[in-house]
Protein backbone atom coordinates (compact mmCIF):
# COMPACT_ATOMS: atom_id res chain seq x y z
CA UNK A 1 0.00 0.00 0.00
CA UNK A 2 1.58 3.25 -1.15
CA UNK A 3 1.08 6.41 0.86
CA UNK A 4 -0.29 9.43 -1.03
CA UNK A 5 2.60 11.60 0.22
CA UNK A 6 5.15 9.09 -1.11
CA UNK A 7 3.42 8.94 -4.45
CA UNK A 8 3.37 12.76 -4.63
CA UNK A 9 7.09 13.27 -3.93
CA UNK A 10 8.04 10.38 -6.20
CA UNK A 11 5.98 11.56 -9.17
CA UNK A 12 6.69 15.26 -8.78
CA UNK A 13 10.34 14.84 -7.67
CA UNK A 14 9.77 17.58 -5.13
CA UNK A 15 10.27 17.58 -1.42
CA UNK A 16 7.49 17.82 1.11
CA UNK A 17 7.97 19.66 4.39
CA UNK A 18 6.15 17.97 7.25
CA UNK A 19 4.97 20.29 9.97
CA UNK A 20 3.71 19.85 13.50
CA UNK A 21 1.74 22.67 15.09
CA UNK A 22 2.79 24.94 12.20
CA UNK A 23 6.52 24.28 12.68
CA UNK A 24 8.67 22.40 10.15
CA UNK A 25 9.77 19.07 11.66
CA UNK A 26 10.90 16.86 8.76
CA UNK A 27 11.35 16.68 5.00
CA UNK A 28 10.18 13.90 2.70
CA UNK A 29 12.13 13.69 -0.57
CA UNK A 30 12.26 11.22 -3.45
CA UNK A 31 15.39 9.05 -3.54
CA UNK A 32 16.65 10.28 -6.92
CA UNK A 33 16.66 13.91 -5.77
CA UNK A 34 18.23 12.91 -2.46
CA UNK A 35 21.06 11.05 -4.18
CA UNK A 36 21.67 13.98 -6.54
CA UNK A 37 21.85 16.32 -3.56
CA UNK A 38 24.32 14.04 -1.79
CA UNK A 39 26.53 13.85 -4.91
CA UNK A 40 26.46 17.65 -5.25
CA UNK A 41 27.41 18.10 -1.61
CA UNK A 42 30.30 15.65 -1.98
CA UNK A 43 31.60 17.55 -5.03
CA UNK A 44 31.31 20.88 -3.22
CA UNK A 45 33.20 19.46 -0.25
CA UNK A 46 36.01 18.24 -2.51
CA UNK A 47 36.14 21.65 -4.22
CA UNK A 48 36.34 23.44 -0.87
CA UNK A 49 39.10 21.12 0.35
CA UNK A 50 41.08 21.65 -2.86
CA UNK A 51 40.69 25.41 -2.58
CA UNK A 52 41.89 25.34 1.03
CA UNK A 53 44.86 23.21 0.05
CA UNK A 54 45.84 25.60 -2.73
CA UNK A 55 45.52 28.62 -0.41
CA UNK A 56 47.70 26.88 2.15
CA UNK A 57 50.39 26.33 -0.50
CA UNK A 58 49.84 22.61 -0.80
CA UNK A 59 49.27 20.52 -3.85
CA UNK A 60 46.12 18.80 -5.06
PDB file of N, CA and C in Angstrom:
ATOM      1  N   UNK A   1       0.840  -1.178   0.000  1.00  0.00           N
ATOM      2  CA  UNK A   1       0.000   0.000   0.000  1.00  0.00           C
ATOM      3  C   UNK A   1       0.889   1.245   0.000  1.00  0.00           C
ATOM      4  N   UNK A   2       0.738   2.071  -1.016  1.00  0.00           N
ATOM      5  CA  UNK A   2       1.578   3.250  -1.151  1.00  0.00           C
ATOM      6  C   UNK A   2       0.872   4.472  -0.567  1.00  0.00           C
ATOM      7  N   UNK A   3       1.585   5.194   0.232  1.00  0.00           N
ATOM      8  CA  UNK A   3       1.075   6.406   0.860  1.00  0.00           C
ATOM      9  C   UNK A   3       0.944   7.515  -0.189  1.00  0.00           C
ATOM     10  N   UNK A   4      -0.081   8.326  -0.081  1.00  0.00           N
ATOM     11  CA  UNK A   4      -0.287   9.426  -1.030  1.00  0.00           C
ATOM     12  C   UNK A   4       0.887  10.405  -1.031  1.00  0.00           C
ATOM     13  N   UNK A   5       1.456  10.684   0.134  1.00  0.00           N
ATOM     14  CA  UNK A   5       2.599  11.598   0.220  1.00  0.00           C
ATOM     15  C   UNK A   5       3.795  11.027  -0.530  1.00  0.00           C
ATOM     16  N   UNK A   6       4.047   9.724  -0.386  1.00  0.00           N
ATOM     17  CA  UNK A   6       5.155   9.094  -1.105  1.00  0.00           C
ATOM     18  C   UNK A   6       4.941   9.150  -2.607  1.00  0.00           C
ATOM     19  N   UNK A   7       3.736   8.895  -3.031  1.00  0.00           N
ATOM     20  CA  UNK A   7       3.416   8.944  -4.450  1.00  0.00           C
ATOM     21  C   UNK A   7       3.640  10.364  -4.990  1.00  0.00           C
ATOM     22  N   UNK A   8       3.228  11.359  -4.223  1.00  0.00           N
ATOM     23  CA  UNK A   8       3.371  12.760  -4.634  1.00  0.00           C
ATOM     24  C   UNK A   8       4.844  13.141  -4.812  1.00  0.00           C
ATOM     25  N   UNK A   9       5.681  12.873  -3.815  1.00  0.00           N
ATOM     26  CA  UNK A   9       7.089  13.271  -3.927  1.00  0.00           C
ATOM     27  C   UNK A   9       7.805  12.464  -4.994  1.00  0.00           C
ATOM     28  N   UNK A  10       7.411  11.218  -5.183  1.00  0.00           N
ATOM     29  CA  UNK A  10       8.039  10.383  -6.200  1.00  0.00           C
ATOM     30  C   UNK A  10       7.688  10.860  -7.609  1.00  0.00           C
ATOM     31  N   UNK A  11       6.424  11.131  -7.844  1.00  0.00           N
ATOM     32  CA  UNK A  11       5.978  11.559  -9.171  1.00  0.00           C
ATOM     33  C   UNK A  11       6.438  12.973  -9.501  1.00  0.00           C
ATOM     34  N   UNK A  12       6.363  13.857  -8.548  1.00  0.00           N
ATOM     35  CA  UNK A  12       6.693  15.264  -8.776  1.00  0.00           C
ATOM     36  C   UNK A  12       8.187  15.554  -8.617  1.00  0.00           C
ATOM     37  N   UNK A  13       8.930  14.651  -8.002  1.00  0.00           N
ATOM     38  CA  UNK A  13      10.340  14.836  -7.665  1.00  0.00           C
ATOM     39  C   UNK A  13      10.545  16.173  -6.952  1.00  0.00           C
ATOM     40  N   UNK A  14       9.692  16.397  -5.975  1.00  0.00           N
ATOM     41  CA  UNK A  14       9.769  17.576  -5.130  1.00  0.00           C
ATOM     42  C   UNK A  14       9.741  17.128  -3.681  1.00  0.00           C
ATOM     43  N   UNK A  15      10.301  17.946  -2.828  1.00  0.00           N
ATOM     44  CA  UNK A  15      10.271  17.583  -1.422  1.00  0.00           C
ATOM     45  C   UNK A  15       8.985  18.060  -0.773  1.00  0.00           C
ATOM     46  N   UNK A  16       8.679  17.458   0.344  1.00  0.00           N
ATOM     47  CA  UNK A  16       7.492  17.823   1.110  1.00  0.00           C
ATOM     48  C   UNK A  16       7.944  18.109   2.547  1.00  0.00           C
ATOM     49  N   UNK A  17       7.628  19.292   3.015  1.00  0.00           N
ATOM     50  CA  UNK A  17       7.967  19.665   4.386  1.00  0.00           C
ATOM     51  C   UNK A  17       6.812  19.220   5.286  1.00  0.00           C
ATOM     52  N   UNK A  18       7.143  18.468   6.312  1.00  0.00           N
ATOM     53  CA  UNK A  18       6.151  17.967   7.252  1.00  0.00           C
ATOM     54  C   UNK A  18       6.188  18.859   8.489  1.00  0.00           C
ATOM     55  N   UNK A  19       5.031  19.367   8.848  1.00  0.00           N
ATOM     56  CA  UNK A  19       4.968  20.290   9.975  1.00  0.00           C
ATOM     57  C   UNK A  19       4.187  19.682  11.135  1.00  0.00           C
ATOM     58  N   UNK A  20       4.453  20.224  12.293  1.00  0.00           N
ATOM     59  CA  UNK A  20       3.714  19.852  13.496  1.00  0.00           C
ATOM     60  C   UNK A  20       3.422  21.143  14.249  1.00  0.00           C
ATOM     61  N   UNK A  21       2.162  21.431  14.435  1.00  0.00           N
ATOM     62  CA  UNK A  21       1.744  22.668  15.095  1.00  0.00           C
ATOM     63  C   UNK A  21       2.303  23.889  14.364  1.00  0.00           C
ATOM     64  N   UNK A  22       2.339  23.817  13.019  1.00  0.00           N
ATOM     65  CA  UNK A  22       2.791  24.935  12.200  1.00  0.00           C
ATOM     66  C   UNK A  22       4.292  25.105  12.109  1.00  0.00           C
ATOM     67  N   UNK A  23       5.054  24.182  12.678  1.00  0.00           N
ATOM     68  CA  UNK A  23       6.516  24.278  12.679  1.00  0.00           C
ATOM     69  C   UNK A  23       7.101  23.118  11.872  1.00  0.00           C
ATOM     70  N   UNK A  24       8.033  23.428  10.955  1.00  0.00           N
ATOM     71  CA  UNK A  24       8.670  22.395  10.149  1.00  0.00           C
ATOM     72  C   UNK A  24       9.409  21.409  11.053  1.00  0.00           C
ATOM     73  N   UNK A  25       9.155  20.109  10.838  1.00  0.00           N
ATOM     74  CA  UNK A  25       9.769  19.069  11.663  1.00  0.00           C
ATOM     75  C   UNK A  25      10.587  18.072  10.854  1.00  0.00           C
ATOM     76  N   UNK A  26      10.211  17.862   9.576  1.00  0.00           N
ATOM     77  CA  UNK A  26      10.902  16.864   8.761  1.00  0.00           C
ATOM     78  C   UNK A  26      10.683  17.184   7.289  1.00  0.00           C
ATOM     79  N   UNK A  27      11.479  16.526   6.448  1.00  0.00           N
ATOM     80  CA  UNK A  27      11.354  16.683   4.999  1.00  0.00           C
ATOM     81  C   UNK A  27      11.268  15.300   4.372  1.00  0.00           C
ATOM     82  N   UNK A  28      10.329  15.141   3.455  1.00  0.00           N
ATOM     83  CA  UNK A  28      10.180  13.902   2.698  1.00  0.00           C
ATOM     84  C   UNK A  28      10.606  14.208   1.268  1.00  0.00           C
ATOM     85  N   UNK A  29      11.557  13.422   0.750  1.00  0.00           N
ATOM     86  CA  UNK A  29      12.131  13.693  -0.574  1.00  0.00           C
ATOM     87  C   UNK A  29      12.279  12.383  -1.330  1.00  0.00           C
ATOM     88  N   UNK A  30      12.086  12.436  -2.659  1.00  0.00           N
ATOM     89  CA  UNK A  30      12.264  11.219  -3.448  1.00  0.00           C
ATOM     90  C   UNK A  30      13.750  10.841  -3.464  1.00  0.00           C
ATOM     91  N   UNK A  31      14.028   9.567  -3.657  1.00  0.00           N
ATOM     92  CA  UNK A  31      15.388   9.050  -3.538  1.00  0.00           C
ATOM     93  C   UNK A  31      16.318   9.576  -4.625  1.00  0.00           C
ATOM     94  N   UNK A  32      15.808   9.779  -5.834  1.00  0.00           N
ATOM     95  CA  UNK A  32      16.655  10.283  -6.921  1.00  0.00           C
ATOM     96  C   UNK A  32      17.157  11.685  -6.588  1.00  0.00           C
ATOM     97  N   UNK A  33      16.266  12.550  -6.148  1.00  0.00           N
ATOM     98  CA  UNK A  33      16.661  13.914  -5.774  1.00  0.00           C
ATOM     99  C   UNK A  33      17.614  13.893  -4.586  1.00  0.00           C
ATOM    100  N   UNK A  34      17.353  13.030  -3.626  1.00  0.00           N
ATOM    101  CA  UNK A  34      18.227  12.912  -2.457  1.00  0.00           C
ATOM    102  C   UNK A  34      19.644  12.509  -2.870  1.00  0.00           C
ATOM    103  N   UNK A  35      19.742  11.505  -3.734  1.00  0.00           N
ATOM    104  CA  UNK A  35      21.060  11.046  -4.181  1.00  0.00           C
ATOM    105  C   UNK A  35      21.784  12.129  -4.979  1.00  0.00           C
ATOM    106  N   UNK A  36      21.059  12.881  -5.798  1.00  0.00           N
ATOM    107  CA  UNK A  36      21.667  13.981  -6.544  1.00  0.00           C
ATOM    108  C   UNK A  36      22.185  15.058  -5.598  1.00  0.00           C
ATOM    109  N   UNK A  37      21.427  15.344  -4.556  1.00  0.00           N
ATOM    110  CA  UNK A  37      21.846  16.325  -3.560  1.00  0.00           C
ATOM    111  C   UNK A  37      23.110  15.851  -2.849  1.00  0.00           C
ATOM    112  N   UNK A  38      23.152  14.579  -2.473  1.00  0.00           N
ATOM    113  CA  UNK A  38      24.324  14.035  -1.791  1.00  0.00           C
ATOM    114  C   UNK A  38      25.567  14.088  -2.678  1.00  0.00           C
ATOM    115  N   UNK A  39      25.407  13.778  -3.971  1.00  0.00           N
ATOM    116  CA  UNK A  39      26.529  13.851  -4.911  1.00  0.00           C
ATOM    117  C   UNK A  39      27.021  15.293  -5.057  1.00  0.00           C
ATOM    118  N   UNK A  40      26.096  16.231  -5.138  1.00  0.00           N
ATOM    119  CA  UNK A  40      26.461  17.649  -5.249  1.00  0.00           C
ATOM    120  C   UNK A  40      27.206  18.113  -4.009  1.00  0.00           C
ATOM    121  N   UNK A  41      26.738  17.723  -2.847  1.00  0.00           N
ATOM    122  CA  UNK A  41      27.411  18.098  -1.606  1.00  0.00           C
ATOM    123  C   UNK A  41      28.815  17.516  -1.535  1.00  0.00           C
ATOM    124  N   UNK A  42      28.977  16.279  -1.992  1.00  0.00           N
ATOM    125  CA  UNK A  42      30.300  15.654  -1.984  1.00  0.00           C
ATOM    126  C   UNK A  42      31.248  16.403  -2.915  1.00  0.00           C
ATOM    127  N   UNK A  43      30.766  16.793  -4.092  1.00  0.00           N
ATOM    128  CA  UNK A  43      31.603  17.547  -5.031  1.00  0.00           C
ATOM    129  C   UNK A  43      31.974  18.917  -4.462  1.00  0.00           C
ATOM    130  N   UNK A  44      31.020  19.580  -3.836  1.00  0.00           N
ATOM    131  CA  UNK A  44      31.306  20.880  -3.222  1.00  0.00           C
ATOM    132  C   UNK A  44      32.324  20.752  -2.097  1.00  0.00           C
ATOM    133  N   UNK A  45      32.232  19.686  -1.335  1.00  0.00           N
ATOM    134  CA  UNK A  45      33.196  19.460  -0.249  1.00  0.00           C
ATOM    135  C   UNK A  45      34.594  19.251  -0.810  1.00  0.00           C
ATOM    136  N   UNK A  46      34.704  18.461  -1.889  1.00  0.00           N
ATOM    137  CA  UNK A  46      36.010  18.241  -2.515  1.00  0.00           C
ATOM    138  C   UNK A  46      36.572  19.550  -3.072  1.00  0.00           C
ATOM    139  N   UNK A  47      35.720  20.362  -3.678  1.00  0.00           N
ATOM    140  CA  UNK A  47      36.139  21.648  -4.217  1.00  0.00           C
ATOM    141  C   UNK A  47      36.643  22.564  -3.107  1.00  0.00           C
ATOM    142  N   UNK A  48      35.930  22.613  -2.002  1.00  0.00           N
ATOM    143  CA  UNK A  48      36.340  23.443  -0.870  1.00  0.00           C
ATOM    144  C   UNK A  48      37.668  22.970  -0.294  1.00  0.00           C
ATOM    145  N   UNK A  49      37.848  21.655  -0.174  1.00  0.00           N
ATOM    146  CA  UNK A  49      39.098  21.120   0.353  1.00  0.00           C
ATOM    147  C   UNK A  49      40.262  21.425  -0.586  1.00  0.00           C
ATOM    148  N   UNK A  50      40.032  21.331  -1.885  1.00  0.00           N
ATOM    149  CA  UNK A  50      41.076  21.651  -2.859  1.00  0.00           C
ATOM    150  C   UNK A  50      41.443  23.117  -2.799  1.00  0.00           C
ATOM    151  N   UNK A  51      40.454  23.965  -2.673  1.00  0.00           N
ATOM    152  CA  UNK A  51      40.690  25.412  -2.581  1.00  0.00           C
ATOM    153  C   UNK A  51      41.487  25.732  -1.332  1.00  0.00           C
ATOM    154  N   UNK A  52      41.155  25.115  -0.217  1.00  0.00           N
ATOM    155  CA  UNK A  52      41.893  25.339   1.029  1.00  0.00           C
ATOM    156  C   UNK A  52      43.328  24.869   0.906  1.00  0.00           C
ATOM    157  N   UNK A  53      43.537  23.750   0.244  1.00  0.00           N
ATOM    158  CA  UNK A  53      44.865  23.211   0.054  1.00  0.00           C
ATOM    159  C   UNK A  53      45.715  24.145  -0.794  1.00  0.00           C
ATOM    160  N   UNK A  54      45.127  24.682  -1.846  1.00  0.00           N
ATOM    161  CA  UNK A  54      45.839  25.605  -2.732  1.00  0.00           C
ATOM    162  C   UNK A  54      46.195  26.879  -1.962  1.00  0.00           C
ATOM    163  N   UNK A  55      45.262  27.407  -1.193  1.00  0.00           N
ATOM    164  CA  UNK A  55      45.516  28.615  -0.411  1.00  0.00           C
ATOM    165  C   UNK A  55      46.595  28.389   0.640  1.00  0.00           C
ATOM    166  N   UNK A  56      46.697  27.186   1.140  1.00  0.00           N
ATOM    167  CA  UNK A  56      47.703  26.880   2.154  1.00  0.00           C
ATOM    168  C   UNK A  56      49.050  26.554   1.517  1.00  0.00           C
ATOM    169  N   UNK A  57      49.131  26.570   0.188  1.00  0.00           N
ATOM    170  CA  UNK A  57      50.385  26.330  -0.496  1.00  0.00           C
ATOM    171  C   UNK A  57      50.659  24.855  -0.766  1.00  0.00           C
ATOM    172  N   UNK A  58      49.667  24.035  -0.558  1.00  0.00           N
ATOM    173  CA  UNK A  58      49.840  22.605  -0.803  1.00  0.00           C
ATOM    174  C   UNK A  58      49.533  22.255  -2.232  1.00  0.00           C
ATOM    175  N   UNK A  59      49.599  20.991  -2.518  1.00  0.00           N
ATOM    176  CA  UNK A  59      49.266  20.520  -3.853  1.00  0.00           C
ATOM    177  C   UNK A  59      47.963  19.749  -3.802  1.00  0.00           C
ATOM    178  N   UNK A  60      47.371  19.562  -4.978  1.00  0.00           N
ATOM    179  CA  UNK A  60      46.124  18.801  -5.065  1.00  0.00           C
ATOM    180  C   UNK A  60      46.485  17.374  -4.898  1.00  0.00           C
TER     181      UNK A  60
END
